[in-house]
N, C-alpha and C. Protein backbone atom coordinates (compact mmCIF):
# COMPACT_ATOMS: atom_id res chain seq x y z
N MET A 1 15.97 0.60 -15.17
CA MET A 1 14.80 1.54 -15.12
C MET A 1 13.57 0.59 -15.41
N ASN A 2 12.44 1.31 -14.64
CA ASN A 2 11.33 0.44 -14.54
C ASN A 2 10.60 0.72 -16.22
N ALA A 3 9.60 0.53 -16.13
CA ALA A 3 8.77 0.76 -17.50
C ALA A 3 7.81 2.11 -17.13
N GLN A 4 7.60 2.30 -15.90
CA GLN A 4 7.05 3.22 -15.56
C GLN A 4 7.86 4.38 -15.91
N ARG A 5 8.99 4.67 -15.25
CA ARG A 5 9.86 5.65 -15.39
C ARG A 5 10.29 5.64 -16.82
N ILE A 6 10.43 4.76 -17.84
CA ILE A 6 10.81 5.12 -19.44
C ILE A 6 9.22 5.48 -19.75
N THR A 7 8.40 5.11 -19.23
CA THR A 7 7.26 6.13 -19.78
C THR A 7 6.73 7.33 -19.58
N VAL A 8 7.36 7.77 -18.47
CA VAL A 8 7.14 9.08 -17.90
C VAL A 8 8.19 9.97 -18.79
N LEU A 9 9.71 9.55 -18.78
CA LEU A 9 10.61 10.21 -19.54
C LEU A 9 9.62 10.26 -20.79
N VAL A 10 9.69 9.70 -21.88
CA VAL A 10 9.15 9.38 -23.16
C VAL A 10 7.83 11.02 -23.12
N VAL A 11 7.10 10.55 -22.10
CA VAL A 11 6.02 11.35 -22.16
C VAL A 11 6.75 12.81 -22.03
N LEU A 12 7.45 13.03 -21.17
CA LEU A 12 7.75 14.55 -20.99
C LEU A 12 8.79 14.66 -22.35
N THR A 13 9.60 13.84 -22.87
CA THR A 13 10.28 14.47 -23.68
C THR A 13 9.38 15.02 -24.97
N LEU A 14 8.04 14.19 -25.28
CA LEU A 14 7.23 14.78 -26.29
C LEU A 14 6.61 15.83 -25.95
N VAL A 15 5.82 15.97 -24.69
CA VAL A 15 5.39 17.26 -24.36
C VAL A 15 6.52 18.56 -24.28
N ALA A 16 7.62 17.99 -24.18
CA ALA A 16 8.88 19.21 -24.27
C ALA A 16 8.83 19.78 -25.66
N VAL A 17 8.80 18.57 -26.83
CA VAL A 17 9.08 18.98 -27.91
C VAL A 17 8.03 19.66 -28.52
N TYR A 18 6.41 19.33 -28.05
CA TYR A 18 5.30 19.80 -28.71
C TYR A 18 5.15 21.50 -28.15
N VAL A 19 5.70 21.86 -26.84
CA VAL A 19 6.02 23.14 -26.46
C VAL A 19 6.84 23.91 -27.23
N ALA A 20 8.06 23.05 -27.66
CA ALA A 20 9.17 24.06 -28.39
C ALA A 20 8.24 24.58 -29.69
N ILE A 21 7.48 23.48 -30.51
CA ILE A 21 7.16 24.07 -32.04
C ILE A 21 6.15 24.75 -31.43
N VAL A 22 5.23 24.79 -30.35
CA VAL A 22 3.92 25.79 -30.64
C VAL A 22 5.00 27.15 -30.21
N HIS A 23 6.18 26.86 -29.16
CA HIS A 23 6.86 28.41 -28.89
C HIS A 23 7.12 29.11 -30.59
N GLN A 24 7.63 27.84 -30.90
CA GLN A 24 8.21 28.31 -32.41
C GLN A 24 6.87 29.36 -33.56
N ALA A 25 5.92 28.68 -32.84
CA ALA A 25 4.95 29.33 -34.04
C ALA A 25 3.99 30.38 -33.45
N ASN A 26 4.39 30.64 -32.01
CA ASN A 26 3.40 31.80 -31.57
C ASN A 26 4.11 31.92 -30.58
N PRO A 27 5.59 32.91 -30.79
CA PRO A 27 6.29 33.52 -30.32
C PRO A 27 5.94 35.01 -29.23
N VAL A 28 4.69 35.39 -29.13
CA VAL A 28 3.80 36.18 -28.85
C VAL A 28 3.26 35.62 -27.93
N PRO A 29 3.54 36.67 -26.53
CA PRO A 29 2.94 36.26 -25.34
C PRO A 29 1.61 36.86 -25.41
N ILE A 30 0.91 35.98 -24.53
CA ILE A 30 -0.26 36.03 -24.43
C ILE A 30 -0.95 36.53 -23.13
N ALA A 31 -1.81 37.57 -23.39
CA ALA A 31 -2.38 38.16 -22.25
C ALA A 31 -3.66 37.49 -21.57
N LEU A 32 -3.50 37.09 -20.25
CA LEU A 32 -4.10 36.29 -19.67
C LEU A 32 -5.24 37.40 -18.33
N PRO A 33 -6.67 37.60 -18.25
CA PRO A 33 -7.33 38.26 -17.85
C PRO A 33 -6.92 37.86 -16.18
N GLY A 34 -6.20 39.24 -15.53
CA GLY A 34 -6.03 39.09 -14.38
C GLY A 34 -4.30 38.90 -14.01
N LEU A 35 -3.83 38.42 -15.15
CA LEU A 35 -2.18 38.05 -15.02
C LEU A 35 -1.33 38.97 -15.95
N LEU A 36 0.04 38.84 -15.67
CA LEU A 36 0.99 39.27 -16.56
C LEU A 36 0.41 38.93 -17.92
N SER A 37 1.23 39.59 -18.74
CA SER A 37 1.24 39.03 -20.70
C SER A 37 2.47 37.83 -20.23
N LEU A 38 1.95 36.51 -20.49
CA LEU A 38 3.44 35.03 -20.67
C LEU A 38 3.29 34.57 -21.63
N PRO A 39 4.14 34.15 -22.04
CA PRO A 39 4.87 33.22 -23.12
C PRO A 39 3.83 32.11 -22.96
N LEU A 40 3.40 31.79 -24.09
CA LEU A 40 2.91 30.16 -24.42
C LEU A 40 3.50 29.37 -23.42
N TRP A 41 4.50 29.01 -23.52
CA TRP A 41 5.46 28.12 -22.85
C TRP A 41 5.31 27.84 -21.46
N LEU A 42 5.40 28.76 -20.52
CA LEU A 42 5.24 29.04 -19.44
C LEU A 42 3.82 29.07 -18.97
N ILE A 43 2.68 29.43 -19.69
CA ILE A 43 0.93 28.66 -19.39
C ILE A 43 1.02 27.41 -19.52
N LEU A 44 1.69 26.91 -20.75
CA LEU A 44 1.53 25.34 -20.56
C LEU A 44 2.40 24.73 -19.48
N LEU A 45 3.35 25.15 -19.07
CA LEU A 45 4.17 24.71 -18.37
C LEU A 45 3.61 24.59 -16.86
N GLY A 46 3.25 25.59 -16.59
CA GLY A 46 2.53 26.20 -15.24
C GLY A 46 1.13 25.13 -15.13
N THR A 47 0.21 24.75 -16.68
CA THR A 47 -0.67 24.39 -16.37
C THR A 47 -0.48 22.78 -16.09
N GLY A 48 0.26 22.48 -16.62
CA GLY A 48 1.05 20.84 -16.64
C GLY A 48 1.11 20.83 -14.99
N LEU A 49 2.05 21.84 -14.53
CA LEU A 49 2.66 21.17 -13.23
C LEU A 49 1.43 21.45 -12.17
N LEU A 50 0.79 22.38 -12.62
CA LEU A 50 -0.80 22.11 -11.44
C LEU A 50 -1.42 20.47 -11.98
N ALA A 51 -1.86 20.30 -12.98
CA ALA A 51 -2.46 19.04 -13.31
C ALA A 51 -1.37 17.26 -12.78
N TYR A 52 -0.39 17.85 -12.95
CA TYR A 52 0.63 16.90 -12.22
C TYR A 52 0.57 16.65 -10.46
N LEU A 53 0.23 18.11 -9.75
CA LEU A 53 0.26 18.20 -8.57
C LEU A 53 -1.32 17.39 -8.36
N ALA A 54 -2.20 18.39 -9.03
CA ALA A 54 -3.64 17.48 -8.58
C ALA A 54 -3.68 16.11 -8.64
N GLY A 55 -3.05 15.36 -9.89
CA GLY A 55 -2.89 13.68 -9.84
C GLY A 55 -2.37 13.25 -8.47
N TRP A 56 -1.05 13.94 -8.39
CA TRP A 56 -0.01 13.43 -7.21
C TRP A 56 -0.52 13.54 -5.97
N LEU A 57 -0.70 14.43 -5.48
CA LEU A 57 -1.09 14.58 -3.99
C LEU A 57 -2.52 13.90 -3.35
N PRO A 58 -2.94 13.89 -4.10
CA PRO A 58 -3.85 12.85 -3.45
C PRO A 58 -3.50 11.55 -2.93
N GLY A 59 -2.59 10.54 -4.29
CA GLY A 59 -2.21 9.52 -4.03
C GLY A 59 -1.01 9.69 -3.13
N ALA A 60 -0.50 10.49 -2.99
CA ALA A 60 0.80 10.95 -1.97
C ALA A 60 0.54 10.80 -0.63
N ILE A 61 -0.84 11.74 -0.22
CA ILE A 61 -1.33 11.18 1.15
C ILE A 61 -2.10 10.15 1.50
N ARG A 62 -2.44 9.56 0.54
CA ARG A 62 -3.40 8.20 0.80
C ARG A 62 -2.33 7.13 0.92
N THR A 63 -1.02 7.16 0.22
CA THR A 63 0.44 6.29 0.92
C THR A 63 0.72 6.89 1.91
N TRP A 64 0.88 7.94 2.16
CA TRP A 64 1.18 8.24 3.66
C TRP A 64 0.53 7.92 4.60
N ARG A 65 -0.75 7.89 4.56
CA ARG A 65 -1.69 7.41 5.58
C ARG A 65 -1.57 5.94 5.76
N LEU A 66 -1.93 5.14 4.76
CA LEU A 66 -1.90 3.52 4.52
C LEU A 66 -0.17 3.18 5.33
N ARG A 67 0.73 3.99 5.36
CA ARG A 67 2.35 3.32 5.81
C ARG A 67 2.13 3.55 7.21
N ARG A 68 1.79 4.84 7.54
CA ARG A 68 1.64 5.29 9.06
C ARG A 68 0.67 4.07 9.72
N GLU A 69 -0.37 3.76 8.98
CA GLU A 69 -1.24 2.70 9.37
C GLU A 69 -1.06 1.16 9.48
N ARG A 70 -0.29 0.66 8.53
CA ARG A 70 0.88 -0.35 8.70
C ARG A 70 1.62 -0.18 9.56
N GLY A 71 2.33 0.29 9.63
CA GLY A 71 3.22 0.61 11.17
C GLY A 71 2.99 0.50 12.53
N ARG A 72 1.69 0.73 12.29
CA ARG A 72 1.06 1.18 13.67
C ARG A 72 0.58 -0.45 13.74
N LEU A 73 0.06 -0.74 13.02
CA LEU A 73 -0.92 -2.26 12.92
C LEU A 73 0.45 -3.47 13.21
N GLU A 74 1.69 -2.81 12.41
CA GLU A 74 2.76 -3.75 12.79
C GLU A 74 3.60 -3.79 14.14
N ARG A 75 3.11 -3.00 14.22
CA ARG A 75 3.52 -2.36 16.30
C ARG A 75 2.97 -2.97 16.96
N ARG A 76 1.20 -2.86 16.69
CA ARG A 76 0.58 -4.16 18.22
C ARG A 76 0.73 -5.41 17.66
N ILE A 77 0.71 -5.72 16.19
CA ILE A 77 1.18 -6.84 16.62
C ILE A 77 2.44 -7.87 17.07
N GLU A 78 3.36 -6.80 17.21
CA GLU A 78 4.73 -7.09 17.60
C GLU A 78 3.91 -7.05 19.54
N GLU A 79 3.65 -6.05 19.95
CA GLU A 79 3.13 -6.05 21.09
C GLU A 79 2.26 -7.05 21.57
N LEU A 80 1.48 -7.87 20.49
CA LEU A 80 0.36 -8.57 21.08
C LEU A 80 1.00 -9.67 21.41
N GLU A 81 1.91 -10.56 20.06
CA GLU A 81 3.03 -11.65 20.01
C GLU A 81 3.64 -11.67 21.07
N SER A 82 4.03 -11.11 22.30
CA SER A 82 5.48 -10.59 22.88
C SER A 82 4.54 -11.56 24.07
N HIS A 83 3.10 -11.36 24.03
CA HIS A 83 2.49 -11.96 25.29
C HIS A 83 1.66 -13.21 25.04
N LEU A 84 2.20 -13.91 23.84
CA LEU A 84 1.38 -15.17 23.18
C LEU A 84 3.37 -16.29 24.26
N PRO A 85 2.36 -17.44 24.68
CA PRO A 85 3.01 -18.62 24.94
C PRO A 85 4.09 -18.65 23.80
N SER A 86 5.12 -19.68 24.27
CA SER A 86 5.88 -20.19 22.86
C SER A 86 4.98 -21.49 22.72
N TYR A 87 4.79 -22.02 21.51
CA TYR A 87 3.92 -23.50 21.40
C TYR A 87 5.04 -24.40 20.64
N ASP A 88 5.97 -24.77 21.55
CA ASP A 88 6.93 -25.97 20.76
C ASP A 88 6.50 -27.18 20.85
N ALA A 89 6.66 -27.90 19.76
CA ALA A 89 6.52 -29.07 19.55
C ALA A 89 7.50 -30.02 20.35
N GLN A 90 8.18 -29.89 21.15
CA GLN A 90 8.94 -30.70 21.64
C GLN A 90 8.62 -30.46 23.22
N ARG A 91 7.47 -29.85 23.27
CA ARG A 91 6.90 -29.40 25.08
C ARG A 91 6.26 -31.08 25.37
N THR A 92 6.84 -30.99 26.88
CA THR A 92 6.28 -32.24 27.35
C THR A 92 5.36 -32.02 28.24
N GLU A 93 5.17 -31.03 29.00
CA GLU A 93 4.31 -30.21 29.98
C GLU A 93 2.88 -29.60 28.97
N PRO A 94 1.89 -29.70 29.99
CA PRO A 94 0.72 -28.98 29.36
C PRO A 94 0.81 -27.39 29.01
N ILE A 95 0.12 -26.77 28.12
CA ILE A 95 0.20 -25.55 27.85
C ILE A 95 -0.28 -24.84 28.92
N ILE A 96 -1.72 -25.20 29.25
CA ILE A 96 -2.52 -24.89 30.19
C ILE A 96 -2.04 -25.61 31.76
N PRO A 97 -1.43 -24.77 32.49
CA PRO A 97 -0.77 -25.47 33.99
C PRO A 97 -1.65 -26.29 34.48
N ASP A 98 -2.99 -26.04 34.43
CA ASP A 98 -3.61 -26.64 35.41
C ASP A 98 -4.37 -27.61 34.74
N ARG A 99 -4.23 -28.29 34.07
CA ARG A 99 -4.64 -29.74 33.27
C ARG A 99 -3.27 -30.57 32.95
N ALA A 100 -3.96 -31.59 33.27
CA ALA A 100 -2.93 -32.70 32.95
C ALA A 100 -2.36 -33.19 31.44
N ALA A 101 -0.89 -33.88 31.50
CA ALA A 101 -1.02 -34.04 30.01
C ALA A 101 -1.65 -35.09 29.66
N ALA A 102 -2.15 -35.16 28.02
CA ALA A 102 -3.13 -36.04 27.75
C ALA A 102 -2.38 -37.04 27.53
N PRO A 103 -2.84 -38.34 27.82
CA PRO A 103 -2.47 -39.66 27.40
C PRO A 103 -1.75 -39.93 25.77
N PRO A 104 -1.11 -40.12 25.32
CA PRO A 104 -0.98 -40.39 23.80
C PRO A 104 -2.02 -41.48 23.32
N SER A 105 -2.58 -41.10 22.23
CA SER A 105 -3.84 -41.76 21.77
C SER A 105 -3.28 -43.32 20.86
N THR A 106 -3.89 -44.03 20.98
CA THR A 106 -3.14 -45.47 20.51
C THR A 106 -3.81 -45.80 19.19
N SER A 107 -5.01 -45.42 19.27
CA SER A 107 -5.29 -45.47 17.61
C SER A 107 -6.10 -44.40 17.32
N GLY A 108 -6.49 -44.34 16.12
CA GLY A 108 -6.68 -43.00 15.54
C GLY A 108 -8.23 -42.84 14.88
N THR A 109 -9.06 -43.37 15.86
CA THR A 109 -10.74 -43.24 15.92
C THR A 109 -10.88 -42.44 17.40
N ARG A 110 -12.45 -42.38 17.01
CA ARG A 110 -12.96 -41.60 18.42
C ARG A 110 -13.68 -42.51 19.00
N ASP A 111 -13.47 -42.30 20.57
CA ASP A 111 -14.02 -42.82 21.56
C ASP A 111 -15.59 -42.90 21.53
N ASP A 112 -16.34 -43.89 20.94
CA ASP A 112 -17.88 -43.44 20.98
C ASP A 112 -18.37 -43.74 21.94
N ALA A 113 -17.80 -44.36 23.23
CA ALA A 113 -18.73 -44.59 24.28
C ALA A 113 -19.24 -43.30 24.84
N ASP A 114 -18.58 -41.95 24.56
CA ASP A 114 -19.49 -40.46 25.19
C ASP A 114 -20.11 -40.24 24.29
N ALA A 115 -20.24 -40.95 23.05
CA ALA A 115 -21.50 -40.20 21.95
C ALA A 115 -22.31 -40.55 22.23
N PRO A 116 -23.40 -39.50 22.23
CA PRO A 116 -24.83 -39.51 22.20
C PRO A 116 -25.52 -40.68 21.54
N ASP A 117 -26.64 -41.69 22.11
CA ASP A 117 -26.80 -42.78 21.52
C ASP A 117 -27.94 -42.18 20.22
N SER A 118 -28.02 -42.87 19.32
CA SER A 118 -28.41 -42.18 17.84
C SER A 118 -29.94 -42.84 17.49
N SER A 119 -29.78 -44.34 18.16
CA SER A 119 -30.70 -45.39 18.08
C SER A 119 -31.94 -45.15 18.44
N ALA A 120 -32.64 -44.32 18.95
CA ALA A 120 -33.72 -43.80 19.69
C ALA A 120 -34.97 -43.67 18.36
């Protein structure tokens, strides 16, 4: 069990104990305007469920949308990667077929013959 689940169970247990204590102290049904007479525990339970849904529903909708978007993007990446050539380090022929393979460099320095003259 992770910490979040344990926390939820502890909070729900505390709420259930609180509702039981309140019900013992006030067993008379409460008359709400426009509704039937309902026991206090039922009103608290309904209010708690509505509050939970009001907090959970936007997050669930956002998670669902993000998962859909992620799946769409992953499929798009797979589609685009399928069009890429394989870049193996063992290749001897050039990747672009029109170009000749570059001769291996013998020195690690840049050839300064093609560089513009900066002594002017």
